[in-house]
C-alpha atoms as a PDB file:
ATOM      1  CA  UNK A   1     137.091 102.637  89.496  1.00  0.00           C
ATOM      2  CA  UNK A   2     134.502 101.934  92.133  1.00  0.00           C
ATOM      3  CA  UNK A   3     131.093 100.695  91.034  1.00  0.00           C
ATOM      4  CA  UNK A   4     129.256 104.028  91.546  1.00  0.00           C
ATOM      5  CA  UNK A   5     131.770 105.772  89.261  1.00  0.00           C
ATOM      6  CA  UNK A   6     131.336 103.366  86.377  1.00  0.00           C
ATOM      7  CA  UNK A   7     129.822 104.886  83.222  1.00  0.00           C
ATOM      8  CA  UNK A   8     126.246 104.142  82.190  1.00  0.00           C
ATOM      9  CA  UNK A   9     125.567 102.780  78.697  1.00  0.00           C
ATOM     10  CA  UNK A  10     122.421 103.948  76.872  1.00  0.00           C
ATOM     11  CA  UNK A  11     121.522 101.776  73.898  1.00  0.00           C
ATOM     12  CA  UNK A  12     120.172 103.666  70.882  1.00  0.00           C
ATOM     13  CA  UNK A  13     117.011 101.581  70.453  1.00  0.00           C
ATOM     14  CA  UNK A  14     115.456 101.081  67.046  1.00  0.00           C
ATOM     15  CA  UNK A  15     117.144 103.603  64.711  1.00  0.00           C
ATOM     16  CA  UNK A  16     113.844 104.084  62.842  1.00  0.00           C
ATOM     17  CA  UNK A  17     112.117 105.218  66.051  1.00  0.00           C
ATOM     18  CA  UNK A  18     112.496 108.014  68.570  1.00  0.00           C
ATOM     19  CA  UNK A  19     115.231 106.348  70.642  1.00  0.00           C
ATOM     20  CA  UNK A  20     118.181 108.221  69.109  1.00  0.00           C
ATOM     21  CA  UNK A  21     116.283 111.534  69.320  1.00  0.00           C
ATOM     22  CA  UNK A  22     115.386 111.242  72.982  1.00  0.00           C
ATOM     23  CA  UNK A  23     119.003 110.334  73.707  1.00  0.00           C
ATOM     24  CA  UNK A  24     120.125 113.527  71.975  1.00  0.00           C
ATOM     25  CA  UNK A  25     117.493 115.505  73.885  1.00  0.00           C
ATOM     26  CA  UNK A  26     118.660 113.930  77.115  1.00  0.00           C
ATOM     27  CA  UNK A  27     122.192 115.232  76.669  1.00  0.00           C
ATOM     28  CA  UNK A  28     120.884 118.643  75.622  1.00  0.00           C
ATOM     29  CA  UNK A  29     118.799 118.955  78.768  1.00  0.00           C
ATOM     30  CA  UNK A  30     121.249 117.271  81.150  1.00  0.00           C
ATOM     31  CA  UNK A  31     124.654 118.350  79.791  1.00  0.00           C
ATOM     32  CA  UNK A  32     126.512 117.178  82.892  1.00  0.00           C
ATOM     33  CA  UNK A  33     125.534 113.585  82.113  1.00  0.00           C
ATOM     34  CA  UNK A  34     127.958 113.567  79.164  1.00  0.00           C
ATOM     35  CA  UNK A  35     130.656 112.901  81.764  1.00  0.00           C
ATOM     36  CA  UNK A  36     128.780 109.909  83.165  1.00  0.00           C
ATOM     37  CA  UNK A  37     126.679 108.360  80.364  1.00  0.00           C
ATOM     38  CA  UNK A  38     127.231 107.465  76.723  1.00  0.00           C
ATOM     39  CA  UNK A  39     125.175 106.189  73.808  1.00  0.00           C
ATOM     40  CA  UNK A  40     125.854 102.814  72.195  1.00  0.00           C
ATOM     41  CA  UNK A  41     124.880 102.388  68.572  1.00  0.00           C
ATOM     42  CA  UNK A  42     125.351 103.530  65.004  1.00  0.00           C
ATOM     43  CA  UNK A  43     127.334 106.771  64.763  1.00  0.00           C
ATOM     44  CA  UNK A  44     125.541 108.152  61.696  1.00  0.00           C
ATOM     45  CA  UNK A  45     122.131 107.460  63.269  1.00  0.00           C
ATOM     46  CA  UNK A  46     123.044 109.298  66.447  1.00  0.00           C
ATOM     47  CA  UNK A  47     124.551 112.210  64.498  1.00  0.00           C
ATOM     48  CA  UNK A  48     121.295 112.504  62.564  1.00  0.00           C
ATOM     49  CA  UNK A  49     119.388 112.503  65.854  1.00  0.00           C
ATOM     50  CA  UNK A  50     121.582 115.288  67.217  1.00  0.00           C
ATOM     51  CA  UNK A  51     120.890 117.331  64.093  1.00  0.00           C
ATOM     52  CA  UNK A  52     117.127 116.796  63.989  1.00  0.00           C
ATOM     53  CA  UNK A  53     116.661 117.845  67.614  1.00  0.00           C
ATOM     54  CA  UNK A  54     118.027 121.309  66.774  1.00  0.00           C
ATOM     55  CA  UNK A  55     120.916 123.454  67.939  1.00  0.00           C
ATOM     56  CA  UNK A  56     124.544 122.623  68.455  1.00  0.00           C
ATOM     57  CA  UNK A  57     125.289 119.276  70.097  1.00  0.00           C
ATOM     58  CA  UNK A  58     128.788 118.031  69.289  1.00  0.00           C
ATOM     59  CA  UNK A  59     129.180 114.266  68.999  1.00  0.00           C
ATOM     60  CA  UNK A  60     132.192 112.851  70.836  1.00  0.00           C
ATOM     61  CA  UNK A  61     133.288 109.416  69.624  1.00  0.00           C
ATOM     62  CA  UNK A  62     134.721 107.195  72.344  1.00  0.00           C
ATOM     63  CA  UNK A  63     136.481 103.841  72.072  1.00  0.00           C
ATOM     64  CA  UNK A  64     135.762 102.394  75.505  1.00  0.00           C
ATOM     65  CA  UNK A  65     133.358 103.229  78.332  1.00  0.00           C
ATOM     66  CA  UNK A  66     136.003 104.755  80.591  1.00  0.00           C
ATOM     67  CA  UNK A  67     136.712 107.456  77.965  1.00  0.00           C
ATOM     68  CA  UNK A  68     133.471 109.220  78.869  1.00  0.00           C
ATOM     69  CA  UNK A  69     134.779 110.173  82.303  1.00  0.00           C
ATOM     70  CA  UNK A  70     137.201 112.686  80.796  1.00  0.00           C
ATOM     71  CA  UNK A  71     134.856 114.358  78.318  1.00  0.00           C
ATOM     72  CA  UNK A  72     133.735 117.969  78.583  1.00  0.00           C
ATOM     73  CA  UNK A  73     130.043 118.623  79.269  1.00  0.00           C
ATOM     74  CA  UNK A  74     127.519 119.561  76.568  1.00  0.00           C
ATOM     75  CA  UNK A  75     128.286 116.837  74.054  1.00  0.00           C
ATOM     76  CA  UNK A  76     126.773 113.537  72.927  1.00  0.00           C
ATOM     77  CA  UNK A  77     129.242 110.718  73.698  1.00  0.00           C
ATOM     78  CA  UNK A  78     128.865 107.809  71.286  1.00  0.00           C
ATOM     79  CA  UNK A  79     130.528 104.416  71.322  1.00  0.00           C
ATOM     80  CA  UNK A  80     129.949 103.139  67.757  1.00  0.00           C
ATOM     81  CA  UNK A  81     129.428  99.472  68.565  1.00  0.00           C
ATOM     82  CA  UNK A  82     127.443  98.901  65.361  1.00  0.00           C
ATOM     83  CA  UNK A  83     127.709 100.331  61.863  1.00  0.00           C
ATOM     84  CA  UNK A  84     124.736 100.391  59.507  1.00  0.00           C
ATOM     85  CA  UNK A  85     125.312 100.450  55.757  1.00  0.00           C
ATOM     86  CA  UNK A  86     122.735 103.216  55.384  1.00  0.00           C
ATOM     87  CA  UNK A  87     120.448 105.198  57.631  1.00  0.00           C
ATOM     88  CA  UNK A  88     117.142 103.587  58.567  1.00  0.00           C
ATOM     89  CA  UNK A  89     114.031 105.280  57.225  1.00  0.00           C
ATOM     90  CA  UNK A  90     112.132 106.936  60.043  1.00  0.00           C
ATOM     91  CA  UNK A  91     108.919 105.222  61.056  1.00  0.00           C
ATOM     92  CA  UNK A  92     109.417 102.015  59.063  1.00  0.00           C
ATOM     93  CA  UNK A  93     109.813  98.448  60.336  1.00  0.00           C
ATOM     94  CA  UNK A  94     113.186  97.324  59.046  1.00  0.00           C
ATOM     95  CA  UNK A  95     115.129  94.128  59.734  1.00  0.00           C
ATOM     96  CA  UNK A  96     118.414  96.051  59.497  1.00  0.00           C
ATOM     97  CA  UNK A  97     117.193  98.444  62.156  1.00  0.00           C
ATOM     98  CA  UNK A  98     116.132  95.521  64.335  1.00  0.00           C
ATOM     99  CA  UNK A  99     119.547  93.921  63.967  1.00  0.00           C
ATOM    100  CA  UNK A 100     121.359  97.180  64.803  1.00  0.00           C
ATOM    101  CA  UNK A 101     119.190  97.653  67.895  1.00  0.00           C
ATOM    102  CA  UNK A 102     119.867  94.076  69.016  1.00  0.00           C
ATOM    103  CA  UNK A 103     123.604  94.414  68.475  1.00  0.00           C
ATOM    104  CA  UNK A 104     123.653  97.592  70.559  1.00  0.00           C
ATOM    105  CA  UNK A 105     121.844  95.809  73.389  1.00  0.00           C
ATOM    106  CA  UNK A 106     124.196  92.839  73.220  1.00  0.00           C
ATOM    107  CA  UNK A 107     127.281  95.071  73.345  1.00  0.00           C
ATOM    108  CA  UNK A 108     126.012  97.009  76.364  1.00  0.00           C
ATOM    109  CA  UNK A 109     124.938  93.882  78.231  1.00  0.00           C
ATOM    110  CA  UNK A 110     128.321  92.241  77.683  1.00  0.00           C
ATOM    111  CA  UNK A 111     130.058  95.404  78.896  1.00  0.00           C
ATOM    112  CA  UNK A 112     127.934  95.350  82.037  1.00  0.00           C
ATOM    113  CA  UNK A 113     128.647  91.660  82.602  1.00  0.00           C
ATOM    114  CA  UNK A 114     132.382  92.371  82.258  1.00  0.00           C
ATOM    115  CA  UNK A 115     132.099  95.139  84.839  1.00  0.00           C
ATOM    116  CA  UNK A 116     132.929  97.951  82.405  1.00  0.00           C
ATOM    117  CA  UNK A 117     129.662  99.861  82.901  1.00  0.00           C
ATOM    118  CA  UNK A 118     127.622 100.386  86.031  1.00  0.00           C
ATOM    119  CA  UNK A 119     124.206 100.080  84.391  1.00  0.00           C
ATOM    120  CA  UNK A 120     122.448  99.685  81.052  1.00  0.00           C
ATOM    121  CA  UNK A 121     119.613 101.998  80.029  1.00  0.00           C
ATOM    122  CA  UNK A 122     117.795 100.856  76.900  1.00  0.00           C
ATOM    123  CA  UNK A 123     115.971 103.129  74.470  1.00  0.00           C
ATOM    124  CA  UNK A 124     112.812 101.670  72.864  1.00  0.00           C
ATOM    125  CA  UNK A 125     112.971  98.840  70.357  1.00  0.00           C
ATOM    126  CA  UNK A 126     110.341  97.581  67.924  1.00  0.00           C
ATOM    127  CA  UNK A 127     109.437  93.939  68.431  1.00  0.00           C
ATOM    128  CA  UNK A 128     108.416  93.388  64.797  1.00  0.00           C
ATOM    129  CA  UNK A 129     111.779  94.720  63.637  1.00  0.00           C
ATOM    130  CA  UNK A 130     113.515  92.328  66.039  1.00  0.00           C
ATOM    131  CA  UNK A 131     111.490  89.440  64.644  1.00  0.00           C
ATOM    132  CA  UNK A 132     112.288  90.533  61.078  1.00  0.00           C
ATOM    133  CA  UNK A 133     115.975  90.392  62.035  1.00  0.00           C
ATOM    134  CA  UNK A 134     115.450  86.799  63.254  1.00  0.00           C
ATOM    135  CA  UNK A 135     116.076  87.704  66.900  1.00  0.00           C
ATOM    136  CA  UNK A 136     114.398  84.900  68.820  1.00  0.00           C
ATOM    137  CA  UNK A 137     113.633  86.965  71.913  1.00  0.00           C
ATOM    138  CA  UNK A 138     110.442  89.067  71.850  1.00  0.00           C
ATOM    139  CA  UNK A 139     111.761  91.978  73.918  1.00  0.00           C
ATOM    140  CA  UNK A 140     114.529  93.475  76.024  1.00  0.00           C
ATOM    141  CA  UNK A 141     113.753  91.470  79.150  1.00  0.00           C
ATOM    142  CA  UNK A 142     114.020  88.059  77.547  1.00  0.00           C
ATOM    143  CA  UNK A 143     117.036  89.064  75.421  1.00  0.00           C
ATOM    144  CA  UNK A 144     118.992  90.392  78.417  1.00  0.00           C
ATOM    145  CA  UNK A 145     118.074  87.330  80.458  1.00  0.00           C
ATOM    146  CA  UNK A 146     119.466  85.044  77.739  1.00  0.00           C
ATOM    147  CA  UNK A 147     122.680  87.075  77.402  1.00  0.00           C
ATOM    148  CA  UNK A 148     123.252  87.044  81.156  1.00  0.00           C
ATOM    149  CA  UNK A 149     122.537  83.328  81.469  1.00  0.00           C
ATOM    150  CA  UNK A 150     124.982  82.556  78.650  1.00  0.00           C
ATOM    151  CA  UNK A 151     127.642  84.688  80.331  1.00  0.00           C
ATOM    152  CA  UNK A 152     127.102  82.918  83.651  1.00  0.00           C
ATOM    153  CA  UNK A 153     127.066  79.507  81.966  1.00  0.00           C
ATOM    154  CA  UNK A 154     123.669  78.524  83.302  1.00  0.00           C
ATOM    155  CA  UNK A 155     120.313  77.632  81.738  1.00  0.00           C
ATOM    156  CA  UNK A 156     117.852  80.493  81.338  1.00  0.00           C
ATOM    157  CA  UNK A 157     115.547  78.708  83.778  1.00  0.00           C
ATOM    158  CA  UNK A 158     118.153  79.213  86.505  1.00  0.00           C
ATOM    159  CA  UNK A 159     118.183  82.982  86.037  1.00  0.00           C
ATOM    160  CA  UNK A 160     114.558  84.046  86.519  1.00  0.00           C
ATOM    161  CA  UNK A 161     113.853  87.713  85.868  1.00  0.00           C
ATOM    162  CA  UNK A 162     110.821  89.943  86.209  1.00  0.00           C
ATOM    163  CA  UNK A 163     109.695  93.261  84.767  1.00  0.00           C
ATOM    164  CA  UNK A 164     108.953  96.116  87.172  1.00  0.00           C
ATOM    165  CA  UNK A 165     107.171  99.259  85.988  1.00  0.00           C
ATOM    166  CA  UNK A 166     107.357 102.251  88.286  1.00  0.00           C
ATOM    167  CA  UNK A 167     106.864 105.965  88.628  1.00  0.00           C
ATOM    168  CA  UNK A 168     106.684 108.347  91.580  1.00  0.00           C
ATOM    169  CA  UNK A 169     103.262 106.989  92.570  1.00  0.00           C
ATOM    170  CA  UNK A 170     103.164 103.277  91.799  1.00  0.00           C
ATOM    171  CA  UNK A 171     105.284 100.163  91.326  1.00  0.00           C
ATOM    172  CA  UNK A 172     104.084  96.945  89.750  1.00  0.00           C
ATOM    173  CA  UNK A 173     105.915  93.692  88.984  1.00  0.00           C
ATOM    174  CA  UNK A 174     104.626  91.188  86.425  1.00  0.00           C
ATOM    175  CA  UNK A 175     104.320  87.424  86.826  1.00  0.00           C
ATOM    176  CA  UNK A 176     104.401  86.959  83.022  1.00  0.00           C
ATOM    177  CA  UNK A 177     105.611  89.343  80.348  1.00  0.00           C
ATOM    178  CA  UNK A 178     105.410  89.081  76.555  1.00  0.00           C
ATOM    179  CA  UNK A 179     103.050  86.177  76.044  1.00  0.00           C
ATOM    180  CA  UNK A 180      99.479  85.920  74.812  1.00  0.00           C
ATOM    181  CA  UNK A 181      96.703  86.443  77.336  1.00  0.00           C
ATOM    182  CA  UNK A 182      95.781  82.759  77.055  1.00  0.00           C
ATOM    183  CA  UNK A 183      99.368  81.748  77.874  1.00  0.00           C
ATOM    184  CA  UNK A 184      99.538  84.374  80.622  1.00  0.00           C
ATOM    185  CA  UNK A 185      96.615  82.731  82.393  1.00  0.00           C
ATOM    186  CA  UNK A 186      98.415  79.397  82.194  1.00  0.00           C
ATOM    187  CA  UNK A 187     101.443  81.092  83.815  1.00  0.00           C
ATOM    188  CA  UNK A 188      99.442  81.949  86.956  1.00  0.00           C
ATOM    189  CA  UNK A 189     100.874  79.105  89.019  1.00  0.00           C
ATOM    190  CA  UNK A 190     101.919  78.921  92.639  1.00  0.00           C
ATOM    191  CA  UNK A 191     105.552  78.472  91.593  1.00  0.00           C
ATOM    192  CA  UNK A 192     105.571  81.491  89.275  1.00  0.00           C
ATOM    193  CA  UNK A 193     103.803  83.778  91.738  1.00  0.00           C
ATOM    194  CA  UNK A 194     106.096  82.707  94.591  1.00  0.00           C
ATOM    195  CA  UNK A 195     109.177  83.219  92.450  1.00  0.00           C
ATOM    196  CA  UNK A 196     107.931  86.705  91.548  1.00  0.00           C
ATOM    197  CA  UNK A 197     107.404  87.514  95.218  1.00  0.00           C
ATOM    198  CA  UNK A 198     110.922  86.420  96.145  1.00  0.00           C
ATOM    199  CA  UNK A 199     112.580  88.382  93.320  1.00  0.00           C
ATOM    200  CA  UNK A 200     110.530  91.485  94.118  1.00  0.00           C
ATOM    201  CA  UNK A 201     111.233  91.334  97.846  1.00  0.00           C
ATOM    202  CA  UNK A 202     114.976  90.957  97.297  1.00  0.00           C
ATOM    203  CA  UNK A 203     115.174  93.869  94.864  1.00  0.00           C
ATOM    204  CA  UNK A 204     113.008  96.311  96.791  1.00  0.00           C
ATOM    205  CA  UNK A 205     114.622  95.498 100.132  1.00  0.00           C
ATOM    206  CA  UNK A 206     117.894  96.775  98.656  1.00  0.00           C
ATOM    207  CA  UNK A 207     116.228  99.790  97.087  1.00  0.00           C
ATOM    208  CA  UNK A 208     114.083 100.802 100.079  1.00  0.00           C
ATOM    209  CA  UNK A 209     116.400  99.712 102.857  1.00  0.00           C
ATOM    210  CA  UNK A 210     113.586  97.745 104.484  1.00  0.00           C
ATOM    211  CA  UNK A 211     111.184  94.903 103.776  1.00  0.00           C
ATOM    212  CA  UNK A 212     108.672  96.020 101.122  1.00  0.00           C
ATOM    213  CA  UNK A 213     104.921  95.801 101.648  1.00  0.00           C
ATOM    214  CA  UNK A 214     103.788  93.631  98.741  1.00  0.00           C
ATOM    215  CA  UNK A 215     100.206  93.337  97.498  1.00  0.00           C
ATOM    216  CA  UNK A 216      99.249  90.509  95.158  1.00  0.00           C
ATOM    217  CA  UNK A 217      96.493  91.139  92.618  1.00  0.00           C
ATOM    218  CA  UNK A 218      93.997  88.473  91.698  1.00  0.00           C
ATOM    219  CA  UNK A 219      93.513  87.533  88.082  1.00  0.00           C
ATOM    220  CA  UNK A 220      89.702  87.252  87.985  1.00  0.00           C
ATOM    221  CA  UNK A 221      87.050  89.931  88.656  1.00  0.00           C
ATOM    222  CA  UNK A 222      86.823  90.648  92.398  1.00  0.00           C
ATOM    223  CA  UNK A 223      89.741  88.230  92.887  1.00  0.00           C
ATOM    224  CA  UNK A 224      87.435  85.365  91.990  1.00  0.00           C
ATOM    225  CA  UNK A 225      84.722  86.194  94.553  1.00  0.00           C
ATOM    226  CA  UNK A 226      85.408  83.049  96.566  1.00  0.00           C
ATOM    227  CA  UNK A 227      85.580  80.835  93.480  1.00  0.00           C
ATOM    228  CA  UNK A 228      82.423  82.121  91.778  1.00  0.00           C
ATOM    229  CA  UNK A 229      84.389  83.757  88.936  1.00  0.00           C
ATOM    230  CA  UNK A 230      87.390  81.455  88.775  1.00  0.00           C
ATOM    231  CA  UNK A 231      89.564  79.361  91.058  1.00  0.00           C
ATOM    232  CA  UNK A 232      93.081  80.662  90.255  1.00  0.00           C
ATOM    233  CA  UNK A 233      93.070  82.784  93.407  1.00  0.00           C
ATOM    234  CA  UNK A 234      92.184  79.798  95.607  1.00  0.00           C
ATOM    235  CA  UNK A 235      94.271  77.119  93.928  1.00  0.00           C
ATOM    236  CA  UNK A 236      97.364  79.035  92.752  1.00  0.00           C
ATOM    237  CA  UNK A 237      97.753  82.573  94.098  1.00  0.00           C
ATOM    238  CA  UNK A 238      96.730  82.179  97.751  1.00  0.00           C
ATOM    239  CA  UNK A 239      99.124  79.240  98.353  1.00  0.00           C
ATOM    240  CA  UNK A 240     102.001  81.366  96.993  1.00  0.00           C
ATOM    241  CA  UNK A 241     101.062  84.224  99.327  1.00  0.00           C
ATOM    242  CA  UNK A 242     100.902  81.841 102.280  1.00  0.00           C
ATOM    243  CA  UNK A 243     104.326  80.355 101.464  1.00  0.00           C
ATOM    244  CA  UNK A 244     105.870  83.816 101.067  1.00  0.00           C
ATOM    245  CA  UNK A 245     104.460  84.905 104.426  1.00  0.00           C
ATOM    246  CA  UNK A 246     105.882  81.735 106.001  1.00  0.00           C
ATOM    247  CA  UNK A 247     109.272  82.831 104.617  1.00  0.00           C
ATOM    248  CA  UNK A 248     108.921  86.163 106.406  1.00  0.00           C
ATOM    249  CA  UNK A 249     107.836  88.371 103.494  1.00  0.00           C
ATOM    250  CA  UNK A 250     105.296  91.160 104.080  1.00  0.00           C
ATOM    251  CA  UNK A 251     102.754  89.952 101.539  1.00  0.00           C
ATOM    252  CA  UNK A 252      98.970  90.180 101.342  1.00  0.00           C
ATOM    253  CA  UNK A 253      96.328  89.118  98.846  1.00  0.00           C
ATOM    254  CA  UNK A 254      95.052  88.114  96.456  1.00  0.00           C
ATOM    255  CA  UNK A 255      93.321  91.487  96.272  1.00  0.00           C
ATOM    256  CA  UNK A 256      90.635  92.607  93.827  1.00  0.00           C
ATOM    257  CA  UNK A 257      92.631  93.810  90.806  1.00  0.00           C
ATOM    258  CA  UNK A 258      90.313  96.743  90.102  1.00  0.00           C
ATOM    259  CA  UNK A 259      91.172  98.478  93.407  1.00  0.00           C
ATOM    260  CA  UNK A 260      94.578  97.209  94.542  1.00  0.00           C
ATOM    261  CA  UNK A 261      96.551  99.602  92.335  1.00  0.00           C
ATOM    262  CA  UNK A 262      94.631 102.563  93.749  1.00  0.00           C
ATOM    263  CA  UNK A 263      95.407 101.353  97.263  1.00  0.00           C
ATOM    264  CA  UNK A 264      99.108 101.102  96.427  1.00  0.00           C
ATOM    265  CA  UNK A 265      99.070 104.579  94.898  1.00  0.00           C
ATOM    266  CA  UNK A 266      97.737 106.023  98.149  1.00  0.00           C
ATOM    267  CA  UNK A 267     100.578 104.437 100.115  1.00  0.00           C
ATOM    268  CA  UNK A 268      99.110 101.245 101.556  1.00  0.00           C
ATOM    269  CA  UNK A 269     101.574  99.048  99.629  1.00  0.00           C
ATOM    270  CA  UNK A 270     105.040  99.546  98.140  1.00  0.00           C
ATOM    271  CA  UNK A 271     104.410  97.358  95.110  1.00  0.00           C
ATOM    272  CA  UNK A 272     101.676  95.331  93.424  1.00  0.00           C
ATOM    273  CA  UNK A 273     102.324  91.928  91.869  1.00  0.00           C
ATOM    274  CA  UNK A 274     100.272  91.803  88.656  1.00  0.00           C
ATOM    275  CA  UNK A 275      99.341  88.521  87.034  1.00  0.00           C
ATOM    276  CA  UNK A 276      99.903  89.550  83.409  1.00  0.00           C
ATOM    277  CA  UNK A 277     101.354  92.278  81.209  1.00  0.00           C
ATOM    278  CA  UNK A 278      98.460  94.671  80.655  1.00  0.00           C
ATOM    279  CA  UNK A 279      97.038  94.273  84.155  1.00  0.00           C
ATOM    280  CA  UNK A 280     100.227  95.824  85.507  1.00  0.00           C
ATOM    281  CA  UNK A 281     101.191  98.216  82.722  1.00  0.00           C
ATOM    282  CA  UNK A 282      97.877 100.006  82.200  1.00  0.00           C
ATOM    283  CA  UNK A 283      97.758 101.563  85.697  1.00  0.00           C
ATOM    284  CA  UNK A 284     101.365 102.776  85.521  1.00  0.00           C
ATOM    285  CA  UNK A 285     101.069 104.137  82.000  1.00  0.00           C
ATOM    286  CA  UNK A 286      97.756 105.811  82.754  1.00  0.00           C
ATOM    287  CA  UNK A 287      99.562 107.903  85.367  1.00  0.00           C
ATOM    288  CA  UNK A 288     101.819 109.290  82.629  1.00  0.00           C
ATOM    289  CA  UNK A 289     104.346 107.850  80.206  1.00  0.00           C
ATOM    290  CA  UNK A 290     106.690 110.764  80.815  1.00  0.00           C
ATOM    291  CA  UNK A 291     107.717 109.503  84.263  1.00  0.00           C
ATOM    292  CA  UNK A 292     107.491 105.725  83.901  1.00  0.00           C
ATOM    293  CA  UNK A 293     110.539 103.481  84.235  1.00  0.00           C
ATOM    294  CA  UNK A 294     110.883  99.828  83.286  1.00  0.00           C
ATOM    295  CA  UNK A 295     113.429  97.870  85.359  1.00  0.00           C
ATOM    296  CA  UNK A 296     114.479  94.253  84.961  1.00  0.00           C
ATOM    297  CA  UNK A 297     114.721  92.463  88.303  1.00  0.00           C
ATOM    298  CA  UNK A 298     116.953  89.419  88.701  1.00  0.00           C
ATOM    299  CA  UNK A 299     119.746  90.323  86.279  1.00  0.00           C
ATOM    300  CA  UNK A 300     123.353  90.493  87.545  1.00  0.00           C
ATOM    301  CA  UNK A 301     123.481  94.150  86.456  1.00  0.00           C
ATOM    302  CA  UNK A 302     121.191  97.176  86.598  1.00  0.00           C
ATOM    303  CA  UNK A 303     118.914  97.684  83.598  1.00  0.00           C
ATOM    304  CA  UNK A 304     116.268 100.372  83.202  1.00  0.00           C
ATOM    305  CA  UNK A 305     114.370 101.830  80.265  1.00  0.00           C
ATOM    306  CA  UNK A 306     111.690 104.396  79.462  1.00  0.00           C
ATOM    307  CA  UNK A 307     108.117 103.225  79.761  1.00  0.00           C
ATOM    308  CA  UNK A 308     107.075 103.794  76.136  1.00  0.00           C
ATOM    309  CA  UNK A 309     107.677 102.469  72.661  1.00  0.00           C
ATOM    310  CA  UNK A 310     109.358 103.589  69.456  1.00  0.00           C
ATOM    311  CA  UNK A 311     106.635 106.133  68.519  1.00  0.00           C
ATOM    312  CA  UNK A 312     107.209 105.771  64.781  1.00  0.00           C
ATOM    313  CA  UNK A 313     104.698 108.561  64.153  1.00  0.00           C
ATOM    314  CA  UNK A 314     107.023 111.041  65.915  1.00  0.00           C
ATOM    315  CA  UNK A 315     110.341 109.725  64.592  1.00  0.00           C
ATOM    316  CA  UNK A 316     112.323 112.355  62.761  1.00  0.00           C
ATOM    317  CA  UNK A 317     110.286 115.310  64.020  1.00  0.00           C
ATOM    318  CA  UNK A 318     112.557 116.203  66.937  1.00  0.00           C
ATOM    319  CA  UNK A 319     109.469 116.585  69.157  1.00  0.00           C
ATOM    320  CA  UNK A 320     109.741 113.362  71.195  1.00  0.00           C
ATOM    321  CA  UNK A 321     109.725 113.901  74.954  1.00  0.00           C
ATOM    322  CA  UNK A 322     112.841 112.537  76.736  1.00  0.00           C
ATOM    323  CA  UNK A 323     111.306 112.696  80.235  1.00  0.00           C
ATOM    324  CA  UNK A 324     110.840 108.936  80.662  1.00  0.00           C
ATOM    325  CA  UNK A 325     114.388 108.278  79.459  1.00  0.00           C
ATOM    326  CA  UNK A 326     115.630 110.852  81.961  1.00  0.00           C
ATOM    327  CA  UNK A 327     113.714 109.065  84.710  1.00  0.00           C
ATOM    328  CA  UNK A 328     115.269 105.769  83.605  1.00  0.00           C
ATOM    329  CA  UNK A 329     118.792 107.224  83.774  1.00  0.00           C
ATOM    330  CA  UNK A 330     118.110 108.723  87.210  1.00  0.00           C
ATOM    331  CA  UNK A 331     116.847 105.326  88.392  1.00  0.00           C
ATOM    332  CA  UNK A 332     120.013 103.658  87.051  1.00  0.00           C
ATOM    333  CA  UNK A 333     122.251 106.220  88.734  1.00  0.00           C
ATOM    334  CA  UNK A 334     120.437 105.741  92.019  1.00  0.00           C
ATOM    335  CA  UNK A 335     120.309 101.941  91.874  1.00  0.00           C
END
């Protein structure tokens, strides 16, 4: 099989959340994808999801990723990589659910690293459930980075990754991810910003077919106003921008963070480098969760996910919107 023909694995996410339901909805609304994509997780959980979303959706159990290529359309292909002793209770933080979600992620990542799947799309997980299951990584990005580094036989520090959030109007890449705001400010260093710029430029050059126009946000109000409101822009961010430009990257900044995302949305830039998690995620999510995609840059395989969480309040209702998951699958197919 050539790489574009490889199946795409969709991990079930936290079985107490909406992940299994939006997967079922995905295959209902895009029946042709049952010959290209498959769900990885607990069979009983995914059967329950198919039932709660209404109507007939046969579940097809497969043994290996390649089996999906011969399936008929209009079914939910499931590779039962994990088996829970009992169904998780909808909307409840549960260590067993966290463990099942983690095991599904690990299976899919290993399959991608072995070259058996062309991409991994991850349904939402709950970070407290992961912690309850004693998973040391706070989220998908860090977990996948550790799995890939172990597979490659290198320290995690030698496989830097970044989170990119995107929709049809805006892309943003984060310098730091799941850390406290205090620690995020400490992470605003010349080395970290420069590394983010290099990873972003490499990824988007492949995606766009040209050098991306990269804007770098400041971290302080008005990008520090010449040092009046903070010196991170002068001492850390600007030197990274200068070094990146010396390397030939199309980079500008640091720009005032309260306007740079608007400028990117209107087409002035292809992507904004944000200094911390919420600075980058709020603008993308404000434009609509239904179209947002989370991609991990720097991994040796393609990984995307919907830009929302487990929505415990909706779990089990069958009303969860699969649009962001659909966008994530389309991004994986087009990567």
